[in-house]
Amino acid sequence: MRRGRFIVLEGPDKSGKSTHAALLVKELRTRGLRVVHTREPGGTKFAEAVRKILLSNDYVVQPLAELLLYEAARAQHTQDVLLPALRRGATVVSERYTMASLAYQGLGRRLGLPLVRRLNDIASSRLRPDLTLILDIPESCLKTRDPSRQLDRLEKESFTFHRRVRRAYLLLSKSEPRTKLVDADRPSANVRRDILELVKRLF
């Protein structure tokens, strides 16, 4: 059986990843594809428990501890969800994967890309997405989108931190293979159209 396709939606907080991942999954399923929709951190019972710790406002988490928790969740997610689904020939759509750690912990937290790349390789068993779509929005959008929802620990970080994260994604969009940048600061229909066009080329 042919290995399935692995598609990842990346981007700063509140860039629309969950919304557009759900729309993409729906579209692919209407075309007869078997699709697994997942997220990071998360996707398994263990990884979802780690997610709660990472995003909780109850803790002050050191950058290295934060990175190691993300990688632990990723290792479980990769072995339990991603690799089995791809071996079955399913298409996997994930909200975030290894690039998120490069952007947030590598450059946002300033732990450095070499360290994060090494840990990513270990945790992911060197699994690489077939297509990574970075949804780009200005840092100011963090304060204007969905104001009724309480911000999690990462969303509450300083404007300077979120600016570093966005700049990290812009940098990675130029250097990482099979990566495309999508302007997400537009009407949802326009963003959806561009995402579908990029995914169509993958198939």
C-alpha atoms as a PDB file:
ATOM      1  CA  MET A   1       0.000   0.000   0.000  1.00  0.00           C
ATOM      2  CA  ARG A   2       1.269   3.449  -0.875  1.00  0.00           C
ATOM      3  CA  ARG A   3       2.267   5.669   2.044  1.00  0.00           C
ATOM      4  CA  GLY A   4      -0.271   8.374   2.782  1.00  0.00           C
ATOM      5  CA  ARG A   5       0.318  12.097   2.502  1.00  0.00           C
ATOM      6  CA  PHE A   6       1.289  14.172   5.533  1.00  0.00           C
ATOM      7  CA  ILE A   7       0.093  17.804   5.551  1.00  0.00           C
ATOM      8  CA  VAL A   8       0.843  20.234   8.385  1.00  0.00           C
ATOM      9  CA  LEU A   9      -0.689  23.637   9.052  1.00  0.00           C
ATOM     10  CA  GLU A  10       1.639  25.941  10.959  1.00  0.00           C
ATOM     11  CA  GLY A  11       1.697  29.578  11.995  1.00  0.00           C
ATOM     12  CA  PRO A  12       1.541  31.986  14.917  1.00  0.00           C
ATOM     13  CA  ASP A  13      -1.187  31.759  17.526  1.00  0.00           C
ATOM     14  CA  LYS A  14      -4.645  32.694  16.233  1.00  0.00           C
ATOM     15  CA  SER A  15      -3.617  32.424  12.586  1.00  0.00           C
ATOM     16  CA  GLY A  16      -6.583  30.179  11.780  1.00  0.00           C
ATOM     17  CA  LYS A  17      -4.899  26.768  11.810  1.00  0.00           C
ATOM     18  CA  SER A  18      -7.781  24.902  13.452  1.00  0.00           C
ATOM     19  CA  THR A  19     -10.397  26.531  11.238  1.00  0.00           C
ATOM     20  CA  HIS A  20      -8.568  25.850   7.997  1.00  0.00           C
ATOM     21  CA  ALA A  21      -7.452  22.376   9.016  1.00  0.00           C
ATOM     22  CA  ALA A  22     -11.089  21.442   9.605  1.00  0.00           C
ATOM     23  CA  LEU A  23     -12.129  22.928   6.261  1.00  0.00           C
ATOM     24  CA  LEU A  24      -9.331  21.083   4.485  1.00  0.00           C
ATOM     25  CA  VAL A  25     -10.218  17.779   6.134  1.00  0.00           C
ATOM     26  CA  LYS A  26     -13.850  18.186   5.117  1.00  0.00           C
ATOM     27  CA  GLU A  27     -12.883  18.938   1.518  1.00  0.00           C
ATOM     28  CA  LEU A  28     -10.509  15.971   1.259  1.00  0.00           C
ATOM     29  CA  ARG A  29     -13.115  13.614   2.689  1.00  0.00           C
ATOM     30  CA  THR A  30     -15.704  14.777   0.175  1.00  0.00           C
ATOM     31  CA  ARG A  31     -13.201  13.722  -2.490  1.00  0.00           C
ATOM     32  CA  GLY A  32     -13.123  10.197  -1.119  1.00  0.00           C
ATOM     33  CA  LEU A  33      -9.848  10.299   0.800  1.00  0.00           C
ATOM     34  CA  ARG A  34      -9.321   8.676   4.173  1.00  0.00           C
ATOM     35  CA  VAL A  35      -8.180  11.519   6.407  1.00  0.00           C
ATOM     36  CA  VAL A  36      -6.835  11.625   9.948  1.00  0.00           C
ATOM     37  CA  HIS A  37      -7.171  15.061  11.567  1.00  0.00           C
ATOM     38  CA  THR A  38      -4.852  15.601  14.523  1.00  0.00           C
ATOM     39  CA  ARG A  39      -2.875  18.276  16.351  1.00  0.00           C
ATOM     40  CA  GLU A  40       0.244  19.020  18.374  1.00  0.00           C
ATOM     41  CA  PRO A  41       0.702  18.917  21.187  1.00  0.00           C
ATOM     42  CA  GLY A  42      -2.026  16.286  21.366  1.00  0.00           C
ATOM     43  CA  GLY A  43      -3.509  13.519  19.289  1.00  0.00           C
ATOM     44  CA  THR A  44      -3.175  10.835  21.988  1.00  0.00           C
ATOM     45  CA  LYS A  45      -4.395  10.627  25.587  1.00  0.00           C
ATOM     46  CA  PHE A  46      -0.859  11.115  26.896  1.00  0.00           C
ATOM     47  CA  ALA A  47      -0.043  13.996  24.545  1.00  0.00           C
ATOM     48  CA  GLU A  48      -3.324  15.762  25.344  1.00  0.00           C
ATOM     49  CA  ALA A  49      -2.427  15.564  29.046  1.00  0.00           C
ATOM     50  CA  VAL A  50       0.943  17.156  28.262  1.00  0.00           C
ATOM     51  CA  ARG A  51      -0.875  19.822  26.229  1.00  0.00           C
ATOM     52  CA  LYS A  52      -2.910  20.819  29.275  1.00  0.00           C
ATOM     53  CA  ILE A  53       0.266  21.334  31.279  1.00  0.00           C
ATOM     54  CA  LEU A  54       1.999  23.298  28.517  1.00  0.00           C
ATOM     55  CA  LEU A  55      -0.890  25.675  27.917  1.00  0.00           C
ATOM     56  CA  SER A  56      -2.020  26.062  31.517  1.00  0.00           C
ATOM     57  CA  ASN A  57      -1.588  29.427  33.193  1.00  0.00           C
ATOM     58  CA  ASP A  58      -0.929  27.621  36.491  1.00  0.00           C
ATOM     59  CA  TYR A  59       2.741  26.954  35.762  1.00  0.00           C
ATOM     60  CA  VAL A  60       5.931  28.852  35.067  1.00  0.00           C
ATOM     61  CA  VAL A  61       7.786  26.559  32.662  1.00  0.00           C
ATOM     62  CA  GLN A  62      11.480  26.884  31.881  1.00  0.00           C
ATOM     63  CA  PRO A  63      12.270  27.015  28.119  1.00  0.00           C
ATOM     64  CA  LEU A  64      14.210  23.735  28.057  1.00  0.00           C
ATOM     65  CA  ALA A  65      11.554  21.944  30.114  1.00  0.00           C
ATOM     66  CA  GLU A  66       8.940  23.322  27.727  1.00  0.00           C
ATOM     67  CA  LEU A  67      10.815  21.991  24.710  1.00  0.00           C
ATOM     68  CA  LEU A  68      11.285  18.548  26.265  1.00  0.00           C
ATOM     69  CA  LEU A  69       7.586  18.306  27.069  1.00  0.00           C
ATOM     70  CA  TYR A  70       6.693  19.153  23.474  1.00  0.00           C
ATOM     71  CA  GLU A  71       9.121  16.522  22.218  1.00  0.00           C
ATOM     72  CA  ALA A  72       7.761  13.884  24.595  1.00  0.00           C
ATOM     73  CA  ALA A  73       4.233  14.531  23.334  1.00  0.00           C
ATOM     74  CA  ARG A  74       5.527  14.451  19.749  1.00  0.00           C
ATOM     75  CA  ALA A  75       7.242  11.090  20.199  1.00  0.00           C
ATOM     76  CA  GLN A  76       4.008   9.518  21.454  1.00  0.00           C
ATOM     77  CA  HIS A  77       1.942  11.208  18.748  1.00  0.00           C
ATOM     78  CA  THR A  78       4.280  10.110  15.972  1.00  0.00           C
ATOM     79  CA  GLN A  79       4.402   6.466  17.028  1.00  0.00           C
ATOM     80  CA  ASP A  80       0.740   6.053  17.978  1.00  0.00           C
ATOM     81  CA  VAL A  81      -1.014   8.181  15.352  1.00  0.00           C
ATOM     82  CA  LEU A  82       1.062   9.555  12.500  1.00  0.00           C
ATOM     83  CA  LEU A  83       3.155   6.605  11.380  1.00  0.00           C
ATOM     84  CA  PRO A  84       0.323   4.025  11.612  1.00  0.00           C
ATOM     85  CA  ALA A  85      -2.046   6.277   9.656  1.00  0.00           C
ATOM     86  CA  LEU A  86       0.500   6.965   6.926  1.00  0.00           C
ATOM     87  CA  ARG A  87       1.333   3.257   6.639  1.00  0.00           C
ATOM     88  CA  ARG A  88      -2.385   2.557   6.097  1.00  0.00           C
ATOM     89  CA  GLY A  89      -2.323   5.002   3.209  1.00  0.00           C
ATOM     90  CA  ALA A  90      -4.397   7.663   4.971  1.00  0.00           C
ATOM     91  CA  THR A  91      -3.888  11.395   4.497  1.00  0.00           C
ATOM     92  CA  VAL A  92      -2.886  13.070   7.746  1.00  0.00           C
ATOM     93  CA  VAL A  93      -3.705  16.719   8.431  1.00  0.00           C
ATOM     94  CA  SER A  94      -2.002  18.003  11.576  1.00  0.00           C
ATOM     95  CA  GLU A  95      -2.256  21.358  13.287  1.00  0.00           C
ATOM     96  CA  ARG A  96       1.456  21.961  14.014  1.00  0.00           C
ATOM     97  CA  TYR A  97       4.403  19.588  13.989  1.00  0.00           C
ATOM     98  CA  THR A  98       8.193  19.927  14.253  1.00  0.00           C
ATOM     99  CA  MET A  99       8.376  23.411  12.710  1.00  0.00           C
ATOM    100  CA  ALA A 100       6.428  24.792  15.662  1.00  0.00           C
ATOM    101  CA  SER A 101       9.264  23.856  17.992  1.00  0.00           C
ATOM    102  CA  LEU A 102      11.793  25.495  15.686  1.00  0.00           C
ATOM    103  CA  ALA A 103       9.760  28.718  15.704  1.00  0.00           C
ATOM    104  CA  TYR A 104       8.616  28.849  19.326  1.00  0.00           C
ATOM    105  CA  GLN A 105      11.408  27.189  21.279  1.00  0.00           C
ATOM    106  CA  GLY A 106      14.308  27.440  18.838  1.00  0.00           C
ATOM    107  CA  LEU A 107      13.945  31.113  17.955  1.00  0.00           C
ATOM    108  CA  GLY A 108      11.097  32.394  20.153  1.00  0.00           C
ATOM    109  CA  ARG A 109      12.687  31.041  23.357  1.00  0.00           C
ATOM    110  CA  ARG A 110      16.190  31.395  21.866  1.00  0.00           C
ATOM    111  CA  LEU A 111      17.223  27.814  22.574  1.00  0.00           C
ATOM    112  CA  GLY A 112      18.735  27.663  19.094  1.00  0.00           C
ATOM    113  CA  LEU A 113      17.786  25.742  15.979  1.00  0.00           C
ATOM    114  CA  PRO A 114      20.530  23.045  16.197  1.00  0.00           C
ATOM    115  CA  LEU A 115      19.286  21.756  19.570  1.00  0.00           C
ATOM    116  CA  VAL A 116      15.654  21.750  18.479  1.00  0.00           C
ATOM    117  CA  ARG A 117      16.453  20.028  15.193  1.00  0.00           C
ATOM    118  CA  ARG A 118      18.278  17.233  17.034  1.00  0.00           C
ATOM    119  CA  LEU A 119      15.403  16.669  19.431  1.00  0.00           C
ATOM    120  CA  ASN A 120      12.856  16.922  16.614  1.00  0.00           C
ATOM    121  CA  ASP A 121      14.670  14.185  14.707  1.00  0.00           C
ATOM    122  CA  ILE A 122      14.641  11.895  17.736  1.00  0.00           C
ATOM    123  CA  ALA A 123      11.012  12.525  18.705  1.00  0.00           C
ATOM    124  CA  SER A 124       9.654  12.336  15.151  1.00  0.00           C
ATOM    125  CA  SER A 125      11.756   9.363  14.012  1.00  0.00           C
ATOM    126  CA  ARG A 126      12.775  11.736  11.202  1.00  0.00           C
ATOM    127  CA  LEU A 127       9.241  11.802   9.803  1.00  0.00           C
ATOM    128  CA  ARG A 128       8.934  14.788   7.443  1.00  0.00           C
ATOM    129  CA  PRO A 129       5.697  16.392   6.213  1.00  0.00           C
ATOM    130  CA  ASP A 130       4.980  16.217   2.492  1.00  0.00           C
ATOM    131  CA  LEU A 131       3.627  19.768   2.697  1.00  0.00           C
ATOM    132  CA  THR A 132       3.787  22.415   5.409  1.00  0.00           C
ATOM    133  CA  LEU A 133       1.523  25.451   5.070  1.00  0.00           C
ATOM    134  CA  ILE A 134       2.470  28.442   7.223  1.00  0.00           C
ATOM    135  CA  LEU A 135      -0.524  30.708   7.855  1.00  0.00           C
ATOM    136  CA  ASP A 136       0.959  34.156   8.343  1.00  0.00           C
ATOM    137  CA  ILE A 137      -0.728  36.962  10.288  1.00  0.00           C
ATOM    138  CA  PRO A 138       0.601  40.192  11.836  1.00  0.00           C
ATOM    139  CA  GLU A 139       1.440  40.008  15.547  1.00  0.00           C
ATOM    140  CA  SER A 140      -1.313  42.540  16.254  1.00  0.00           C
ATOM    141  CA  CYS A 141      -3.955  39.962  15.277  1.00  0.00           C
ATOM    142  CA  LEU A 142      -3.315  38.103  18.515  1.00  0.00           C
ATOM    143  CA  LYS A 143      -5.112  40.887  20.378  1.00  0.00           C
ATOM    144  CA  THR A 144      -8.000  41.261  17.962  1.00  0.00           C
ATOM    145  CA  ARG A 145      -9.128  37.726  17.087  1.00  0.00           C
ATOM    146  CA  ASP A 146     -11.716  35.953  19.266  1.00  0.00           C
ATOM    147  CA  PRO A 147     -11.488  38.407  22.186  1.00  0.00           C
ATOM    148  CA  SER A 148     -14.067  36.468  24.243  1.00  0.00           C
ATOM    149  CA  ARG A 149     -11.759  33.469  24.717  1.00  0.00           C
ATOM    150  CA  GLN A 150      -9.286  33.358  27.607  1.00  0.00           C
ATOM    151  CA  LEU A 151      -5.676  33.348  26.440  1.00  0.00           C
ATOM    152  CA  ASP A 152      -3.475  30.365  27.300  1.00  0.00           C
ATOM    153  CA  ARG A 153       0.066  30.568  28.691  1.00  0.00           C
ATOM    154  CA  LEU A 154       1.749  30.945  25.306  1.00  0.00           C
ATOM    155  CA  GLU A 155      -0.808  33.366  23.926  1.00  0.00           C
ATOM    156  CA  LYS A 156      -0.170  35.586  26.957  1.00  0.00           C
ATOM    157  CA  GLU A 157       3.506  35.956  26.081  1.00  0.00           C
ATOM    158  CA  SER A 158       4.857  39.421  25.290  1.00  0.00           C
ATOM    159  CA  PHE A 159       4.447  41.185  21.967  1.00  0.00           C
ATOM    160  CA  THR A 160       8.215  40.869  21.507  1.00  0.00           C
ATOM    161  CA  PHE A 161       8.030  37.092  21.865  1.00  0.00           C
ATOM    162  CA  HIS A 162       5.207  36.805  19.328  1.00  0.00           C
ATOM    163  CA  ARG A 163       7.119  39.044  16.942  1.00  0.00           C
ATOM    164  CA  ARG A 164      10.127  36.698  17.197  1.00  0.00           C
ATOM    165  CA  VAL A 165       7.874  33.719  16.522  1.00  0.00           C
ATOM    166  CA  ARG A 166       6.345  35.312  13.447  1.00  0.00           C
ATOM    167  CA  ARG A 167       9.760  36.290  12.120  1.00  0.00           C
ATOM    168  CA  ALA A 168      10.930  32.742  12.773  1.00  0.00           C
ATOM    169  CA  TYR A 169       8.103  31.364  10.635  1.00  0.00           C
ATOM    170  CA  LEU A 170       8.902  33.806   7.848  1.00  0.00           C
ATOM    171  CA  LEU A 171      12.543  32.700   7.971  1.00  0.00           C
ATOM    172  CA  LEU A 172      11.623  29.010   8.011  1.00  0.00           C
ATOM    173  CA  SER A 173       9.248  29.469   5.089  1.00  0.00           C
ATOM    174  CA  LYS A 174      12.281  30.316   2.958  1.00  0.00           C
ATOM    175  CA  SER A 175      14.625  27.621   4.232  1.00  0.00           C
ATOM    176  CA  GLU A 176      12.554  24.525   4.986  1.00  0.00           C
ATOM    177  CA  PRO A 177      11.710  22.074   2.180  1.00  0.00           C
ATOM    178  CA  ARG A 178       8.138  21.530   0.978  1.00  0.00           C
ATOM    179  CA  THR A 179       6.941  24.641   2.813  1.00  0.00           C
ATOM    180  CA  LYS A 180       4.563  27.308   1.523  1.00  0.00           C
ATOM    181  CA  LEU A 181       3.613  30.642   3.072  1.00  0.00           C
ATOM    182  CA  VAL A 182      -0.077  31.605   3.010  1.00  0.00           C
ATOM    183  CA  ASP A 183      -1.292  35.133   3.790  1.00  0.00           C
ATOM    184  CA  ALA A 184      -3.968  34.440   6.432  1.00  0.00           C
ATOM    185  CA  ASP A 185      -4.796  38.093   7.117  1.00  0.00           C
ATOM    186  CA  ARG A 186      -7.571  37.984   4.502  1.00  0.00           C
ATOM    187  CA  PRO A 187     -11.155  36.752   4.263  1.00  0.00           C
ATOM    188  CA  SER A 188     -11.402  33.070   5.159  1.00  0.00           C
ATOM    189  CA  ALA A 189     -12.692  32.120   1.705  1.00  0.00           C
ATOM    190  CA  ASN A 190      -9.556  33.502   0.048  1.00  0.00           C
ATOM    191  CA  VAL A 191      -7.261  31.665   2.441  1.00  0.00           C
ATOM    192  CA  ARG A 192      -9.204  28.432   1.942  1.00  0.00           C
ATOM    193  CA  ARG A 193      -8.946  28.749  -1.826  1.00  0.00           C
ATOM    194  CA  ASP A 194      -5.167  29.154  -1.709  1.00  0.00           C
ATOM    195  CA  ILE A 195      -4.754  26.223   0.690  1.00  0.00           C
ATOM    196  CA  LEU A 196      -6.819  23.937  -1.539  1.00  0.00           C
ATOM    197  CA  GLU A 197      -4.794  24.942  -4.577  1.00  0.00           C
ATOM    198  CA  LEU A 198      -1.503  24.122  -2.834  1.00  0.00           C
ATOM    199  CA  VAL A 199      -2.810  20.800  -1.546  1.00  0.00           C
ATOM    200  CA  LYS A 200      -4.188  19.884  -4.959  1.00  0.00           C
ATOM    201  CA  ARG A 201      -0.675  20.126  -6.390  1.00  0.00           C
ATOM    202  CA  LEU A 202       0.508  17.635  -3.766  1.00  0.00           C
ATOM    203  CA  PHE A 203      -1.902  15.005  -5.062  1.00  0.00           C
END
